[in-house]
N, C-alpha and C. Protein backbone atom coordinates (compact mmCIF):
# COMPACT_ATOMS: atom_id res chain seq x y z
N MET A 1 0.84 -1.17 0.00
CA MET A 1 0.00 0.00 0.00
C MET A 1 0.89 1.24 0.00
N LYS A 2 0.41 2.25 -0.70
CA LYS A 2 1.15 3.49 -0.82
C LYS A 2 0.23 4.66 -0.50
N LYS A 3 0.67 5.53 0.38
CA LYS A 3 -0.09 6.73 0.72
C LYS A 3 0.02 7.72 -0.45
N ILE A 4 -1.10 8.36 -0.78
CA ILE A 4 -1.13 9.33 -1.87
C ILE A 4 -1.62 10.66 -1.31
N ASN A 5 -0.91 11.73 -1.64
CA ASN A 5 -1.32 13.08 -1.27
C ASN A 5 -1.68 13.81 -2.56
N TRP A 6 -2.92 14.35 -2.63
CA TRP A 6 -3.36 15.02 -3.86
C TRP A 6 -2.44 16.16 -4.27
N ASN A 7 -1.79 16.80 -3.30
CA ASN A 7 -0.87 17.90 -3.63
C ASN A 7 0.35 17.42 -4.40
N GLU A 8 0.61 16.13 -4.38
CA GLU A 8 1.77 15.57 -5.08
C GLU A 8 1.39 14.87 -6.38
N VAL A 9 0.10 14.81 -6.70
CA VAL A 9 -0.35 14.19 -7.95
C VAL A 9 -0.22 15.21 -9.07
N ALA A 10 0.39 14.81 -10.17
CA ALA A 10 0.59 15.72 -11.30
C ALA A 10 -0.75 16.18 -11.87
N GLN A 11 -0.83 17.47 -12.14
CA GLN A 11 -2.03 18.02 -12.76
C GLN A 11 -1.82 18.11 -14.26
N GLU A 12 -2.80 17.65 -15.01
CA GLU A 12 -2.73 17.67 -16.48
C GLU A 12 -3.62 18.79 -17.01
N GLN A 13 -3.07 19.61 -17.91
CA GLN A 13 -3.86 20.61 -18.62
C GLN A 13 -4.38 19.91 -19.88
N VAL A 14 -5.59 19.39 -19.82
CA VAL A 14 -6.14 18.57 -20.90
C VAL A 14 -6.44 19.43 -22.13
N ASN A 15 -6.96 20.63 -21.90
CA ASN A 15 -7.21 21.61 -22.96
C ASN A 15 -7.20 22.97 -22.26
N PRO A 16 -7.35 24.07 -23.00
CA PRO A 16 -7.23 25.39 -22.34
C PRO A 16 -8.23 25.63 -21.21
N LYS A 17 -9.35 24.89 -21.17
CA LYS A 17 -10.37 25.13 -20.15
C LYS A 17 -10.56 23.98 -19.17
N MET A 18 -9.66 23.00 -19.19
CA MET A 18 -9.83 21.83 -18.33
C MET A 18 -8.50 21.35 -17.76
N LYS A 19 -8.48 21.20 -16.43
CA LYS A 19 -7.33 20.62 -15.73
C LYS A 19 -7.84 19.42 -14.94
N ARG A 20 -6.99 18.40 -14.79
CA ARG A 20 -7.40 17.26 -13.97
C ARG A 20 -6.21 16.57 -13.33
N LYS A 21 -6.52 15.89 -12.24
CA LYS A 21 -5.61 14.98 -11.56
C LYS A 21 -6.40 13.70 -11.36
N PHE A 22 -5.75 12.56 -11.44
CA PHE A 22 -6.47 11.34 -11.10
C PHE A 22 -5.54 10.30 -10.49
N ILE A 23 -6.17 9.46 -9.69
CA ILE A 23 -5.50 8.31 -9.11
C ILE A 23 -6.38 7.10 -9.41
N TYR A 24 -5.76 5.94 -9.51
CA TYR A 24 -6.55 4.76 -9.82
C TYR A 24 -5.89 3.50 -9.30
N GLY A 25 -6.74 2.53 -9.07
CA GLY A 25 -6.30 1.20 -8.69
C GLY A 25 -6.73 0.22 -9.76
N GLU A 26 -6.86 -1.00 -9.39
CA GLU A 26 -7.25 -2.03 -10.34
C GLU A 26 -8.71 -1.90 -10.78
N LYS A 27 -9.59 -1.47 -9.87
CA LYS A 27 -11.02 -1.50 -10.17
C LYS A 27 -11.72 -0.15 -10.14
N MET A 28 -11.04 0.91 -9.73
CA MET A 28 -11.69 2.22 -9.70
C MET A 28 -10.69 3.35 -9.88
N MET A 29 -11.24 4.53 -10.22
CA MET A 29 -10.46 5.74 -10.47
C MET A 29 -11.20 6.91 -9.84
N VAL A 30 -10.44 7.83 -9.25
CA VAL A 30 -10.99 9.08 -8.76
C VAL A 30 -10.24 10.22 -9.45
N ALA A 31 -11.01 11.17 -9.99
CA ALA A 31 -10.42 12.32 -10.68
C ALA A 31 -10.91 13.60 -10.02
N LYS A 32 -10.00 14.57 -9.85
CA LYS A 32 -10.35 15.91 -9.39
C LYS A 32 -10.13 16.83 -10.57
N MET A 33 -11.16 17.61 -10.92
CA MET A 33 -11.08 18.43 -12.13
C MET A 33 -11.50 19.86 -11.88
N GLU A 34 -10.93 20.76 -12.69
CA GLU A 34 -11.29 22.17 -12.69
C GLU A 34 -11.59 22.56 -14.13
N PHE A 35 -12.70 23.28 -14.31
CA PHE A 35 -13.13 23.73 -15.63
C PHE A 35 -13.38 25.22 -15.62
N GLU A 36 -13.10 25.87 -16.74
CA GLU A 36 -13.45 27.27 -16.91
C GLU A 36 -14.88 27.37 -17.43
N ASP A 37 -15.50 28.50 -17.17
CA ASP A 37 -16.87 28.76 -17.61
C ASP A 37 -17.04 28.51 -19.11
N GLY A 38 -18.12 27.86 -19.46
CA GLY A 38 -18.47 27.66 -20.87
C GLY A 38 -17.90 26.41 -21.51
N PHE A 39 -17.02 25.68 -20.82
CA PHE A 39 -16.48 24.46 -21.43
C PHE A 39 -17.58 23.42 -21.56
N THR A 40 -17.63 22.79 -22.72
CA THR A 40 -18.61 21.73 -22.98
C THR A 40 -17.88 20.41 -23.16
N VAL A 41 -18.31 19.42 -22.40
CA VAL A 41 -17.87 18.04 -22.62
C VAL A 41 -18.84 17.49 -23.66
N PRO A 42 -18.38 17.17 -24.87
CA PRO A 42 -19.30 16.77 -25.93
C PRO A 42 -19.96 15.42 -25.64
N TRP A 43 -20.99 15.11 -26.43
CA TRP A 43 -21.68 13.82 -26.29
C TRP A 43 -20.67 12.69 -26.34
N HIS A 44 -20.78 11.80 -25.38
CA HIS A 44 -19.92 10.62 -25.33
C HIS A 44 -20.56 9.59 -24.42
N GLN A 45 -20.00 8.42 -24.42
CA GLN A 45 -20.40 7.38 -23.48
C GLN A 45 -19.21 6.48 -23.27
N HIS A 46 -19.24 5.75 -22.17
CA HIS A 46 -18.13 4.86 -21.82
C HIS A 46 -18.69 3.73 -20.97
N GLU A 47 -17.97 2.64 -20.97
CA GLU A 47 -18.41 1.47 -20.22
C GLU A 47 -18.44 1.71 -18.72
N ASN A 48 -17.71 2.70 -18.26
CA ASN A 48 -17.48 2.93 -16.84
C ASN A 48 -18.69 3.56 -16.16
N GLU A 49 -19.09 3.00 -15.03
CA GLU A 49 -20.06 3.69 -14.19
C GLU A 49 -19.35 4.93 -13.64
N GLN A 50 -20.10 6.03 -13.48
CA GLN A 50 -19.51 7.31 -13.09
C GLN A 50 -20.33 7.94 -11.97
N ILE A 51 -19.65 8.43 -10.95
CA ILE A 51 -20.29 9.24 -9.92
C ILE A 51 -19.62 10.60 -9.96
N THR A 52 -20.41 11.65 -10.17
CA THR A 52 -19.90 13.01 -10.24
C THR A 52 -20.41 13.78 -9.02
N GLU A 53 -19.49 14.50 -8.38
CA GLU A 53 -19.85 15.38 -7.27
C GLU A 53 -19.33 16.78 -7.57
N VAL A 54 -20.22 17.77 -7.52
CA VAL A 54 -19.83 19.16 -7.77
C VAL A 54 -19.41 19.80 -6.45
N ILE A 55 -18.25 20.44 -6.47
CA ILE A 55 -17.72 21.12 -5.30
C ILE A 55 -17.96 22.63 -5.41
N GLU A 56 -17.83 23.16 -6.64
CA GLU A 56 -18.02 24.60 -6.88
C GLU A 56 -18.61 24.78 -8.28
N GLY A 57 -19.49 25.76 -8.45
CA GLY A 57 -20.07 26.07 -9.75
C GLY A 57 -21.30 25.23 -10.05
N THR A 58 -21.70 25.29 -11.31
CA THR A 58 -22.87 24.54 -11.80
C THR A 58 -22.47 23.70 -12.99
N LEU A 59 -22.83 22.45 -12.96
CA LEU A 59 -22.55 21.51 -14.04
C LEU A 59 -23.89 21.06 -14.61
N ARG A 60 -24.14 21.34 -15.87
CA ARG A 60 -25.39 20.98 -16.54
C ARG A 60 -25.17 19.72 -17.38
N PHE A 61 -25.98 18.69 -17.13
CA PHE A 61 -25.91 17.44 -17.87
C PHE A 61 -27.13 17.26 -18.76
N TRP A 62 -26.89 16.67 -19.93
CA TRP A 62 -27.94 16.14 -20.80
C TRP A 62 -27.66 14.66 -20.97
N PHE A 63 -28.73 13.88 -21.16
CA PHE A 63 -28.59 12.43 -21.28
C PHE A 63 -29.33 11.89 -22.50
N ASP A 64 -28.85 10.76 -23.00
CA ASP A 64 -29.53 9.98 -24.05
C ASP A 64 -29.74 10.76 -25.33
N ASN A 65 -28.77 11.62 -25.68
CA ASN A 65 -28.81 12.41 -26.91
C ASN A 65 -30.05 13.29 -26.99
N ASN A 66 -30.58 13.71 -25.85
CA ASN A 66 -31.76 14.56 -25.77
C ASN A 66 -31.36 15.90 -25.16
N GLU A 67 -31.38 16.95 -25.98
CA GLU A 67 -31.00 18.27 -25.48
C GLU A 67 -32.21 19.10 -25.06
N ASP A 68 -33.40 18.49 -25.02
CA ASP A 68 -34.59 19.20 -24.59
C ASP A 68 -34.71 19.27 -23.07
N GLN A 69 -34.08 18.34 -22.36
CA GLN A 69 -34.14 18.32 -20.90
C GLN A 69 -32.73 18.22 -20.34
N HIS A 70 -32.50 18.90 -19.23
CA HIS A 70 -31.19 18.85 -18.59
C HIS A 70 -31.35 18.75 -17.08
N ILE A 71 -30.25 18.40 -16.43
CA ILE A 71 -30.17 18.35 -14.98
C ILE A 71 -29.00 19.23 -14.57
N ASP A 72 -29.26 20.21 -13.70
CA ASP A 72 -28.20 21.07 -13.19
C ASP A 72 -27.74 20.56 -11.83
N LEU A 73 -26.44 20.41 -11.67
CA LEU A 73 -25.85 20.05 -10.38
C LEU A 73 -25.11 21.26 -9.83
N HIS A 74 -25.34 21.55 -8.55
CA HIS A 74 -24.69 22.67 -7.87
C HIS A 74 -23.79 22.11 -6.77
N ALA A 75 -23.05 22.99 -6.12
CA ALA A 75 -22.14 22.56 -5.06
C ALA A 75 -22.88 21.67 -4.06
N GLY A 76 -22.30 20.50 -3.81
CA GLY A 76 -22.89 19.54 -2.89
C GLY A 76 -23.75 18.48 -3.57
N ASP A 77 -24.09 18.69 -4.85
CA ASP A 77 -24.91 17.72 -5.59
C ASP A 77 -24.04 16.64 -6.22
N SER A 78 -24.60 15.45 -6.32
CA SER A 78 -23.95 14.31 -6.99
C SER A 78 -24.94 13.64 -7.91
N ILE A 79 -24.41 12.86 -8.86
CA ILE A 79 -25.23 12.08 -9.76
C ILE A 79 -24.49 10.79 -10.09
N ILE A 80 -25.23 9.71 -10.27
CA ILE A 80 -24.65 8.43 -10.68
C ILE A 80 -25.07 8.19 -12.12
N ILE A 81 -24.09 8.01 -12.99
CA ILE A 81 -24.34 7.79 -14.41
C ILE A 81 -23.98 6.34 -14.73
N PRO A 82 -24.96 5.53 -15.13
CA PRO A 82 -24.66 4.13 -15.46
C PRO A 82 -23.70 4.03 -16.65
N GLY A 83 -22.97 2.94 -16.72
CA GLY A 83 -22.09 2.70 -17.86
C GLY A 83 -22.88 2.69 -19.16
N ASN A 84 -22.24 3.16 -20.22
CA ASN A 84 -22.78 3.19 -21.58
C ASN A 84 -23.97 4.12 -21.78
N ARG A 85 -24.21 5.03 -20.85
CA ARG A 85 -25.31 6.00 -21.01
C ARG A 85 -24.76 7.27 -21.67
N PRO A 86 -25.26 7.65 -22.85
CA PRO A 86 -24.77 8.86 -23.52
C PRO A 86 -25.04 10.10 -22.66
N HIS A 87 -24.04 10.98 -22.58
CA HIS A 87 -24.19 12.21 -21.82
C HIS A 87 -23.29 13.31 -22.36
N LYS A 88 -23.68 14.53 -22.04
CA LYS A 88 -22.98 15.75 -22.44
C LYS A 88 -23.05 16.68 -21.23
N ALA A 89 -22.05 17.58 -21.08
CA ALA A 89 -22.06 18.47 -19.93
C ALA A 89 -21.57 19.87 -20.31
N LEU A 90 -22.11 20.87 -19.63
CA LEU A 90 -21.72 22.27 -19.81
C LEU A 90 -21.34 22.83 -18.44
N MET A 91 -20.21 23.55 -18.39
CA MET A 91 -19.77 24.18 -17.16
C MET A 91 -20.32 25.60 -17.12
N ILE A 92 -21.04 25.91 -16.05
CA ILE A 92 -21.62 27.24 -15.87
C ILE A 92 -20.87 27.88 -14.70
N GLY A 93 -20.05 28.87 -15.03
CA GLY A 93 -19.13 29.42 -14.05
C GLY A 93 -17.92 28.50 -13.93
N ARG A 94 -17.00 28.86 -13.06
CA ARG A 94 -15.86 27.98 -12.78
C ARG A 94 -16.40 26.77 -12.05
N VAL A 95 -16.03 25.57 -12.51
CA VAL A 95 -16.53 24.35 -11.90
C VAL A 95 -15.35 23.53 -11.37
N ILE A 96 -15.49 23.11 -10.12
CA ILE A 96 -14.57 22.15 -9.52
C ILE A 96 -15.42 20.94 -9.15
N GLU A 97 -14.98 19.76 -9.56
CA GLU A 97 -15.77 18.55 -9.31
C GLU A 97 -14.88 17.34 -9.24
N THR A 98 -15.44 16.27 -8.70
CA THR A 98 -14.75 14.98 -8.70
C THR A 98 -15.59 13.97 -9.46
N ASP A 99 -14.92 13.09 -10.16
CA ASP A 99 -15.56 11.96 -10.82
C ASP A 99 -14.91 10.68 -10.30
N THR A 100 -15.74 9.71 -10.00
CA THR A 100 -15.26 8.39 -9.62
C THR A 100 -15.75 7.42 -10.69
N PHE A 101 -14.86 6.59 -11.20
CA PHE A 101 -15.19 5.66 -12.28
C PHE A 101 -14.85 4.23 -11.86
N ALA A 102 -15.69 3.31 -12.28
CA ALA A 102 -15.39 1.89 -12.13
C ALA A 102 -15.80 1.19 -13.42
N PRO A 103 -14.90 0.49 -14.08
CA PRO A 103 -13.47 0.41 -13.81
C PRO A 103 -12.77 1.71 -14.20
N PRO A 104 -11.44 1.81 -13.98
CA PRO A 104 -10.71 3.02 -14.36
C PRO A 104 -10.87 3.33 -15.86
N ARG A 105 -10.81 4.61 -16.20
CA ARG A 105 -10.92 5.06 -17.59
C ARG A 105 -9.57 4.84 -18.29
N GLN A 106 -9.46 3.78 -19.07
CA GLN A 106 -8.22 3.51 -19.79
C GLN A 106 -7.89 4.61 -20.79
N ASP A 107 -8.92 5.24 -21.39
CA ASP A 107 -8.64 6.32 -22.35
C ASP A 107 -8.01 7.53 -21.66
N TRP A 108 -8.27 7.73 -20.38
CA TRP A 108 -7.60 8.81 -19.64
C TRP A 108 -6.18 8.40 -19.28
N ILE A 109 -6.01 7.16 -18.89
CA ILE A 109 -4.69 6.67 -18.49
C ILE A 109 -3.72 6.72 -19.67
N ASN A 110 -4.19 6.33 -20.87
CA ASN A 110 -3.29 6.30 -22.03
C ASN A 110 -3.42 7.54 -22.92
N SER A 111 -4.15 8.56 -22.46
CA SER A 111 -4.30 9.85 -23.17
C SER A 111 -4.93 9.73 -24.54
N SER A 112 -5.84 8.75 -24.72
CA SER A 112 -6.53 8.61 -26.01
C SER A 112 -7.93 9.22 -25.97
N ASP A 113 -8.20 10.08 -24.99
CA ASP A 113 -9.50 10.73 -24.83
C ASP A 113 -9.58 12.00 -25.69
N ASP A 114 -9.50 11.82 -27.00
CA ASP A 114 -9.44 12.93 -27.94
C ASP A 114 -10.64 13.87 -27.86
N TYR A 115 -11.81 13.35 -27.48
CA TYR A 115 -13.00 14.20 -27.42
C TYR A 115 -12.84 15.33 -26.39
N LEU A 116 -11.92 15.19 -25.43
CA LEU A 116 -11.68 16.24 -24.44
C LEU A 116 -10.51 17.15 -24.81
N ARG A 117 -9.72 16.77 -25.75
CA ARG A 117 -8.46 17.47 -26.01
C ARG A 117 -8.56 18.51 -27.13
N LYS A 118 -9.77 18.90 -27.46
CA LYS A 118 -9.96 19.88 -28.55
C LYS A 118 -10.04 21.28 -28.01
């Protein structure tokens, strides 16, 4: 076992409006992220179950390729997104949030998450 301190985890500048740190084990991953106002995570889906918790700002989600309805998460709110469920997100204001994934996001580990790097 190894103790991890978030202050010592490398922060990645994924794109001009997104920074993240993550740690992972064999079966799960936790990511801490910061977003600038207006950043949109485009429609995507992944096998990983996801739990998102907003710490600061507002995170707006759309699901199932339907942009007619949305769910806004504010500081203290969380949501559980089942694996393979299409979703999109918009950052309203500066957003700080954590995502927990099971299993770990291999596309993040190997930097093949091109949909975020634009």
